[in-house]
Amino acid sequence: MNAPLVHSLDARYYTDPTIFEAEMNGLLMRTWQLAGHASQIPNAGDYFAFEIAGQSLFCIRGRDGDIRCFYNVCQHRAHELVSGTGSTRVVVCPYHAWTYELTGELRAGPNIKAVPGFDRSKICLTDVRCEDFNGFIFVNLDPDTAPMDDWFPGVREELREYVPNIEALAPLEWVEIKENCNWKVSVENYSECYHCPINHPTFAEGVIKPETYDISQMGKGYVLRHTTECQSMDAMTYPIDLSVKHADEYRSWFLWPMVSFQCYPGNVLNTYHWRAHDVDHCTVYRGWYTEGGVESDVIRGLAVQDRQTTVEEDIHLVESVQRGLNSKGYRPGPLVLDPNCGVNSEHSVETLQRWMREAVDIERA
């Protein structure tokens, strides 16, 4: 007897503002999110501000060399402390000049000594869980969350194997992509290659061999691993050095819910990370890296090729899906779950949608 068909999620998971709010106040506040790269703040006092799940945060390097993350809010009367990027000896609130050490403790404030019982040692910026993951800075708003290696077992080590110079890398280019769709539509599209041969001719014919493509859950963690071989050398759209181990492979690690590391053929590291804005708008950031962030005609060319082909093609796909999810004529169809997996199977989408459903059901229970 055949197992019952597995159908895609109901459209409401992508179109209902109350579900989006549940994700913003739950899932996205208790999962690991990519904040930036350690090379962005090389010196003591260097900082950058960013936003996760509607919360303004900033990362700053201390005099001890450690990177810390704090909510971007003064403990006095709630003014934001910093914006953009910069460097400072101490963190000074622009409103009333309350001053904080790089470790978050209150250092001084105008006339605070005149206040009876004022205990400066009891005031500190609110910190956020922060980890350095092979040079990438991740944060989690849940102070009790498990370490990244528990969430994503084995990924740190595999990345080092496929990108042996990863600790020396720095961003060469960030590509910002606005998409008029729910963030989960974009993540699902990224996490299957069923559509690749039809919609991504440059990627499918000039970078990877679709017939060797497969996606599987990595162990018991929240990781989807993509694996495939590179195209033949005469078909590749950029040169690669086959003398380096794994140079003839493509591998990707999607870290639930919004980050992916990709190792393109030739050991080229690039990343995706998503930011959700509202129920039907998100931004995707595409990162490209070289040793020390030095200029590379090959990587620049690959970034341009990717933006003009695969990325542009995906924008049209995900925005069409979002419009379709709002159609009164849509009935969720069965996923294509090939027992042999492979490029034409949607096992990865089944896994993703289970995580999506579980996250929302927990928040709304």
Protein backbone atom coordinates (compact mmCIF):
# COMPACT_ATOMS: atom_id res chain seq x y z
CA MET A 1 0.00 0.00 0.00
CA ASN A 2 1.33 3.42 -0.96
CA ALA A 3 1.88 6.06 1.73
CA PRO A 4 -0.48 9.06 1.64
CA LEU A 5 0.68 12.00 -0.44
CA VAL A 6 2.34 14.88 1.39
CA HIS A 7 0.83 18.22 0.43
CA SER A 8 2.43 21.64 0.57
CA LEU A 9 1.59 24.06 3.38
CA ASP A 10 -1.66 25.99 3.29
CA ALA A 11 -1.33 29.42 1.70
CA ARG A 12 -2.08 31.12 5.03
CA TYR A 13 1.39 30.22 6.30
CA TYR A 14 2.73 32.68 3.72
CA THR A 15 -0.04 35.27 3.57
CA ASP A 16 -1.51 35.62 7.08
CA PRO A 17 -0.06 38.63 8.98
CA THR A 18 -0.81 36.96 12.33
CA ILE A 19 1.40 34.01 11.41
CA PHE A 20 4.16 36.41 10.36
CA GLU A 21 3.88 38.21 13.70
CA ALA A 22 4.09 34.89 15.52
CA GLU A 23 7.32 34.12 13.64
CA MET A 24 8.81 37.55 14.35
CA ASN A 25 8.05 37.30 18.07
CA GLY A 26 9.00 33.64 18.37
CA LEU A 27 10.97 31.74 15.73
CA LEU A 28 13.16 34.63 14.59
CA MET A 29 13.92 35.66 18.17
CA ARG A 30 15.14 32.22 19.25
CA THR A 31 17.18 31.07 16.27
CA TRP A 32 20.72 31.85 15.14
CA GLN A 33 20.93 34.70 12.61
CA LEU A 34 23.90 36.02 10.64
CA ALA A 35 24.87 39.50 11.82
CA GLY A 36 28.03 40.13 9.82
CA HIS A 37 31.70 39.20 9.52
CA ALA A 38 34.48 39.59 12.07
CA SER A 39 36.61 41.45 9.51
CA GLN A 40 34.10 44.33 9.61
CA ILE A 41 35.26 45.19 13.14
CA PRO A 42 39.00 44.39 13.27
CA ASN A 43 40.00 46.85 16.02
CA ALA A 44 38.89 47.60 19.57
CA GLY A 45 35.89 49.95 19.50
CA ASP A 46 34.86 49.07 15.94
CA TYR A 47 31.12 48.43 15.67
CA PHE A 48 28.24 47.93 13.24
CA ALA A 49 24.50 48.16 13.80
CA PHE A 50 21.90 45.85 12.29
CA GLU A 51 18.38 44.55 12.84
CA ILE A 52 17.01 41.10 13.70
CA ALA A 53 13.28 40.37 14.08
CA GLY A 54 12.52 44.08 14.35
CA GLN A 55 15.12 44.61 17.09
CA SER A 56 17.98 47.08 16.64
CA LEU A 57 21.31 45.56 17.73
CA PHE A 58 25.01 46.28 17.39
CA CYS A 59 28.21 44.26 17.51
CA ILE A 60 31.37 45.80 18.92
CA ARG A 61 34.91 44.55 19.48
CA GLY A 62 36.26 44.98 22.99
CA ARG A 63 39.74 45.86 24.12
CA ASP A 64 40.21 42.20 25.00
CA GLY A 65 39.61 41.31 21.33
CA ASP A 66 36.24 39.67 21.99
CA ILE A 67 33.19 40.55 19.90
CA ARG A 68 30.04 41.33 21.86
CA CYS A 69 26.50 42.08 20.80
CA PHE A 70 24.05 44.39 22.58
CA TYR A 71 20.54 45.70 22.07
CA ASN A 72 20.98 49.15 20.55
CA VAL A 73 19.25 51.06 23.32
CA CYS A 74 20.42 53.29 26.18
CA GLN A 75 19.34 52.09 29.62
CA HIS A 76 18.50 55.66 30.63
CA ARG A 77 15.58 56.78 28.46
CA ALA A 78 15.74 54.41 25.50
CA HIS A 79 17.56 56.46 22.86
CA GLU A 80 19.38 54.37 20.24
CA LEU A 81 23.11 54.38 20.83
CA VAL A 82 24.74 53.91 17.43
CA SER A 83 23.91 53.70 13.74
CA GLY A 84 25.69 52.31 10.72
CA THR A 85 29.35 51.50 11.27
CA GLY A 86 32.12 53.28 13.12
CA SER A 87 34.72 53.16 15.87
CA THR A 88 34.67 54.60 19.37
CA ARG A 89 36.63 54.56 22.63
CA VAL A 90 33.40 54.28 24.64
CA VAL A 91 29.73 54.09 23.66
CA VAL A 92 28.08 57.47 24.23
CA CYS A 93 24.33 57.95 24.04
CA PRO A 94 23.55 60.96 21.80
CA TYR A 95 20.58 61.98 23.98
CA HIS A 96 22.04 62.65 27.45
CA ALA A 97 25.64 61.44 27.03
CA TRP A 98 25.37 58.43 29.26
CA THR A 99 28.61 56.60 28.54
CA TYR A 100 29.20 52.84 28.43
CA GLU A 101 32.36 50.73 28.39
CA LEU A 102 32.94 48.49 25.37
CA THR A 103 31.87 45.63 27.64
CA GLY A 104 28.47 47.29 28.22
CA GLU A 105 28.86 48.57 31.78
CA LEU A 106 27.80 52.11 32.54
CA ARG A 107 30.89 54.29 32.91
CA ALA A 108 29.49 57.77 33.50
CA GLY A 109 26.59 60.15 33.01
CA PRO A 110 26.04 63.86 33.58
CA ASN A 111 25.20 64.57 37.24
CA ILE A 112 24.49 60.94 38.15
CA LYS A 113 26.71 61.28 41.26
CA ALA A 114 24.23 63.79 42.64
CA VAL A 115 21.50 61.15 42.77
CA PRO A 116 21.25 59.52 46.24
CA GLY A 117 21.63 55.75 46.03
CA PHE A 118 22.58 55.74 42.35
CA ASP A 119 24.61 52.55 41.80
CA ARG A 120 26.45 52.71 38.50
CA SER A 121 27.54 49.06 38.78
CA LYS A 122 23.95 47.87 38.47
CA ILE A 123 23.43 49.39 35.02
CA CYS A 124 24.62 47.63 31.88
CA LEU A 125 23.58 47.34 28.26
CA THR A 126 21.45 44.29 27.53
CA ASP A 127 23.66 41.72 25.88
CA VAL A 128 22.75 39.20 23.16
CA ARG A 129 24.10 35.69 22.62
CA CYS A 130 26.88 35.93 20.04
CA GLU A 131 29.16 33.36 18.37
CA ASP A 132 32.06 33.49 15.95
CA PHE A 133 31.42 30.76 13.36
CA ASN A 134 34.53 30.48 11.19
CA GLY A 135 34.80 34.28 11.13
CA PHE A 136 31.06 34.90 10.67
CA ILE A 137 29.23 36.59 13.54
CA PHE A 138 25.92 34.98 14.52
CA VAL A 139 23.50 36.20 17.17
CA ASN A 140 20.51 34.70 18.94
CA LEU A 141 18.02 36.76 20.97
CA ASP A 142 17.25 33.78 23.20
CA PRO A 143 19.72 33.90 26.12
CA ASP A 144 19.09 30.21 26.86
CA THR A 145 19.60 28.87 23.35
CA ALA A 146 21.90 25.94 22.60
CA PRO A 147 25.30 26.63 20.96
CA MET A 148 25.50 26.72 17.18
CA ASP A 149 27.31 23.38 17.04
CA ASP A 150 24.25 21.77 18.66
CA TRP A 151 21.94 23.37 16.12
CA PHE A 152 24.19 22.70 13.14
CA PRO A 153 26.42 19.72 14.01
CA GLY A 154 29.40 19.15 11.74
CA VAL A 155 28.90 22.26 9.59
CA ARG A 156 31.76 24.25 11.11
CA GLU A 157 34.22 21.46 10.32
CA GLU A 158 32.87 20.73 6.83
CA LEU A 159 33.14 24.39 5.90
CA ARG A 160 36.80 24.37 6.88
CA GLU A 161 37.33 21.26 4.77
CA TYR A 162 35.74 22.74 1.65
CA VAL A 163 37.02 26.30 2.20
CA PRO A 164 40.45 25.72 3.80
CA ASN A 165 41.25 29.45 3.85
CA ILE A 166 37.94 30.43 5.48
CA GLU A 167 39.55 32.10 8.52
CA ALA A 168 41.45 34.45 6.19
CA LEU A 169 38.39 35.49 4.18
CA ALA A 170 36.67 38.86 4.24
CA PRO A 171 33.71 40.24 2.27
CA LEU A 172 34.52 41.42 -1.23
CA GLU A 173 30.95 42.31 -2.19
CA TRP A 174 27.46 42.32 -0.73
CA VAL A 175 24.52 42.16 -3.13
CA GLU A 176 21.17 43.31 -1.68
CA ILE A 177 18.08 41.79 -3.30
CA LYS A 178 14.56 43.02 -2.52
CA GLU A 179 11.82 40.42 -3.02
CA ASN A 180 8.07 40.95 -2.87
CA CYS A 181 7.32 37.66 -1.19
CA ASN A 182 7.13 35.98 2.18
CA TRP A 183 10.59 35.01 3.45
CA LYS A 184 9.59 31.32 3.51
CA VAL A 185 8.75 31.37 -0.20
CA SER A 186 12.28 32.60 -0.92
CA VAL A 187 13.87 30.07 1.45
CA GLU A 188 11.90 27.20 -0.10
CA ASN A 189 12.90 28.26 -3.59
CA TYR A 190 16.55 28.32 -2.52
CA SER A 191 16.24 24.90 -0.89
CA GLU A 192 15.22 22.86 -3.93
CA CYS A 193 16.70 22.46 -7.39
CA TYR A 194 13.65 20.87 -9.00
CA HIS A 195 13.24 24.19 -10.83
CA CYS A 196 16.92 24.65 -11.75
CA PRO A 197 17.17 22.93 -15.17
CA ILE A 198 14.06 24.79 -16.35
CA ASN A 199 14.74 28.22 -14.91
CA HIS A 200 18.51 28.57 -14.34
CA PRO A 201 20.31 27.67 -17.58
CA THR A 202 23.56 29.44 -16.67
CA PHE A 203 23.79 27.78 -13.26
CA ALA A 204 22.61 24.37 -14.54
CA GLU A 205 24.78 24.34 -17.66
CA GLY A 206 27.79 26.44 -16.66
CA VAL A 207 28.38 25.74 -12.96
CA ILE A 208 26.85 22.45 -11.75
CA LYS A 209 25.62 19.12 -13.14
CA PRO A 210 21.90 18.97 -12.26
CA GLU A 211 21.75 15.20 -12.70
CA THR A 212 24.12 14.81 -9.72
CA TYR A 213 22.29 17.33 -7.48
CA ASP A 214 20.89 16.14 -4.17
CA ILE A 215 19.69 17.76 -0.94
CA SER A 216 19.39 16.01 2.41
CA GLN A 217 19.02 16.82 6.07
CA MET A 218 22.42 16.74 7.76
CA GLY A 219 22.19 14.47 10.79
CA LYS A 220 19.71 15.52 13.45
CA GLY A 221 20.46 19.23 13.18
CA TYR A 222 18.58 22.02 11.47
CA VAL A 223 20.73 21.81 8.33
CA LEU A 224 19.96 21.03 4.69
CA ARG A 225 23.08 20.05 2.73
CA HIS A 226 23.21 20.46 -1.05
CA THR A 227 25.76 18.40 -2.99
CA THR A 228 26.60 18.14 -6.68
CA GLU A 229 29.47 17.93 -9.13
CA CYS A 230 30.71 20.84 -11.20
CA GLN A 231 30.18 21.07 -14.93
CA SER A 232 32.84 19.85 -17.38
CA MET A 233 35.76 22.24 -17.68
CA ASP A 234 34.85 23.26 -21.23
CA ALA A 235 31.35 24.26 -20.03
CA MET A 236 32.30 26.10 -16.80
CA THR A 237 31.63 29.83 -16.96
CA TYR A 238 34.71 30.67 -14.86
CA PRO A 239 38.14 29.06 -14.33
CA ILE A 240 38.84 26.74 -11.39
CA ASP A 241 42.00 25.07 -10.09
CA LEU A 242 41.33 21.35 -9.91
CA SER A 243 44.51 20.70 -7.90
CA VAL A 244 42.73 21.89 -4.72
CA LYS A 245 40.71 19.31 -2.81
CA HIS A 246 36.93 19.50 -3.47
CA ALA A 247 37.47 22.07 -6.26
CA ASP A 248 35.28 20.00 -8.62
CA GLU A 249 32.30 20.01 -6.22
CA TYR A 250 29.50 22.33 -5.21
CA ARG A 251 28.28 22.12 -1.63
CA SER A 252 25.82 24.22 0.30
CA TRP A 253 24.74 24.25 3.95
CA PHE A 254 21.38 25.87 4.68
CA LEU A 255 21.14 26.76 8.38
CA TRP A 256 17.53 27.06 9.49
CA PRO A 257 15.87 29.47 9.26
CA MET A 258 17.65 32.19 7.24
CA VAL A 259 21.31 31.54 6.39
CA SER A 260 23.19 29.54 3.80
CA PHE A 261 26.88 28.98 3.13
CA GLN A 262 27.71 27.95 -0.43
CA CYS A 263 30.97 26.56 -1.70
CA TYR A 264 30.99 26.98 -5.47
CA PRO A 265 33.33 24.89 -7.63
CA GLY A 266 36.86 26.16 -7.16
CA ASN A 267 36.34 26.48 -3.37
CA VAL A 268 34.60 29.85 -3.80
CA LEU A 269 32.68 30.82 -0.67
CA ASN A 270 29.49 32.83 -0.89
CA THR A 271 26.55 33.29 1.43
CA TYR A 272 22.86 34.03 1.48
CA HIS A 273 21.05 35.49 4.44
CA TRP A 274 17.48 36.71 4.65
CA ARG A 275 15.71 39.48 6.54
CA ALA A 276 11.91 39.42 6.85
CA HIS A 277 10.15 42.82 6.74
CA ASP A 278 6.46 41.96 6.64
CA VAL A 279 4.27 39.10 5.49
CA ASP A 280 5.05 39.60 1.80
CA HIS A 281 8.40 41.44 1.68
CA CYS A 282 11.92 40.32 2.46
CA THR A 283 15.51 41.15 1.55
CA VAL A 284 18.15 38.63 0.55
CA TYR A 285 21.82 39.50 1.02
CA ARG A 286 24.31 37.70 -1.21
CA GLY A 287 27.89 37.77 0.04
CA TRP A 288 31.10 37.03 -1.90
CA TYR A 289 34.47 36.57 -0.17
CA THR A 290 38.17 36.51 -0.93
CA GLU A 291 41.28 36.29 1.25
CA GLY A 292 41.49 39.60 3.06
CA GLY A 293 38.72 40.94 0.82
CA VAL A 294 41.27 41.63 -1.93
CA GLU A 295 40.04 42.38 -5.41
CA SER A 296 39.42 39.43 -7.75
CA ASP A 297 38.25 39.72 -11.34
CA VAL A 298 37.03 36.10 -11.23
CA ILE A 299 34.90 36.56 -8.10
CA ARG A 300 33.59 39.95 -9.26
CA GLY A 301 32.65 38.40 -12.57
CA LEU A 302 30.97 35.47 -10.85
CA ALA A 303 28.98 37.84 -8.62
CA VAL A 304 27.78 39.78 -11.67
CA GLN A 305 26.89 36.59 -13.52
CA ASP A 306 24.98 35.27 -10.51
CA ARG A 307 23.04 38.55 -10.02
CA GLN A 308 22.10 38.83 -13.68
CA THR A 309 21.07 35.19 -14.09
CA THR A 310 20.17 32.97 -11.11
CA VAL A 311 19.24 35.79 -8.71
CA GLU A 312 17.20 37.72 -11.28
CA GLU A 313 15.46 34.54 -12.40
CA ASP A 314 14.58 33.66 -8.81
CA ILE A 315 13.07 37.08 -8.11
CA HIS A 316 10.47 36.52 -10.82
CA LEU A 317 9.76 32.99 -9.58
CA VAL A 318 9.22 33.81 -5.90
CA GLU A 319 7.16 36.91 -6.59
CA SER A 320 4.91 34.92 -8.91
CA VAL A 321 4.50 32.27 -6.20
CA GLN A 322 3.53 34.93 -3.66
CA ARG A 323 0.87 36.28 -6.02
CA GLY A 324 -0.35 32.72 -6.56
CA LEU A 325 -0.60 32.05 -2.84
CA ASN A 326 -3.10 34.92 -2.66
CA SER A 327 -5.24 33.35 -5.38
CA LYS A 328 -8.60 31.98 -4.28
CA GLY A 329 -8.06 29.23 -6.83
CA TYR A 330 -4.97 27.75 -5.15
CA ARG A 331 -5.24 24.35 -3.47
CA PRO A 332 -1.94 23.04 -2.01
CA GLY A 333 -0.69 20.28 -4.28
CA PRO A 334 1.29 17.16 -3.39
CA LEU A 335 5.05 17.46 -3.08
CA VAL A 336 7.17 15.36 -5.44
CA LEU A 337 8.93 12.99 -3.04
CA ASP A 338 11.05 10.64 -5.12
CA PRO A 339 12.20 7.67 -2.97
CA ASN A 340 15.56 7.96 -4.72
CA CYS A 341 15.77 11.69 -3.89
CA GLY A 342 17.88 13.61 -6.45
CA VAL A 343 17.38 16.90 -8.24
CA ASN A 344 13.71 16.25 -9.09
CA SER A 345 12.63 15.47 -5.53
CA GLU A 346 11.19 17.88 -2.97
CA HIS A 347 12.28 16.06 0.19
CA SER A 348 14.04 19.23 1.33
CA VAL A 349 10.83 21.24 0.97
CA GLU A 350 8.99 18.64 3.05
CA THR A 351 11.60 19.04 5.81
CA LEU A 352 11.48 22.84 5.63
CA GLN A 353 7.70 22.94 5.77
CA ARG A 354 7.71 20.65 8.79
CA TRP A 355 10.04 23.08 10.58
CA MET A 356 7.88 25.99 9.45
CA ARG A 357 4.69 24.38 10.69
CA GLU A 358 6.24 23.32 14.00
CA ALA A 359 7.58 26.83 14.65
CA VAL A 360 4.22 28.51 14.11
CA ASP A 361 2.27 25.85 16.00
CA ILE A 362 4.56 26.26 19.02
CA GLU A 363 4.14 30.05 19.01
CA ARG A 364 0.37 29.88 18.64
CA ALA A 365 -0.24 27.01 21.05
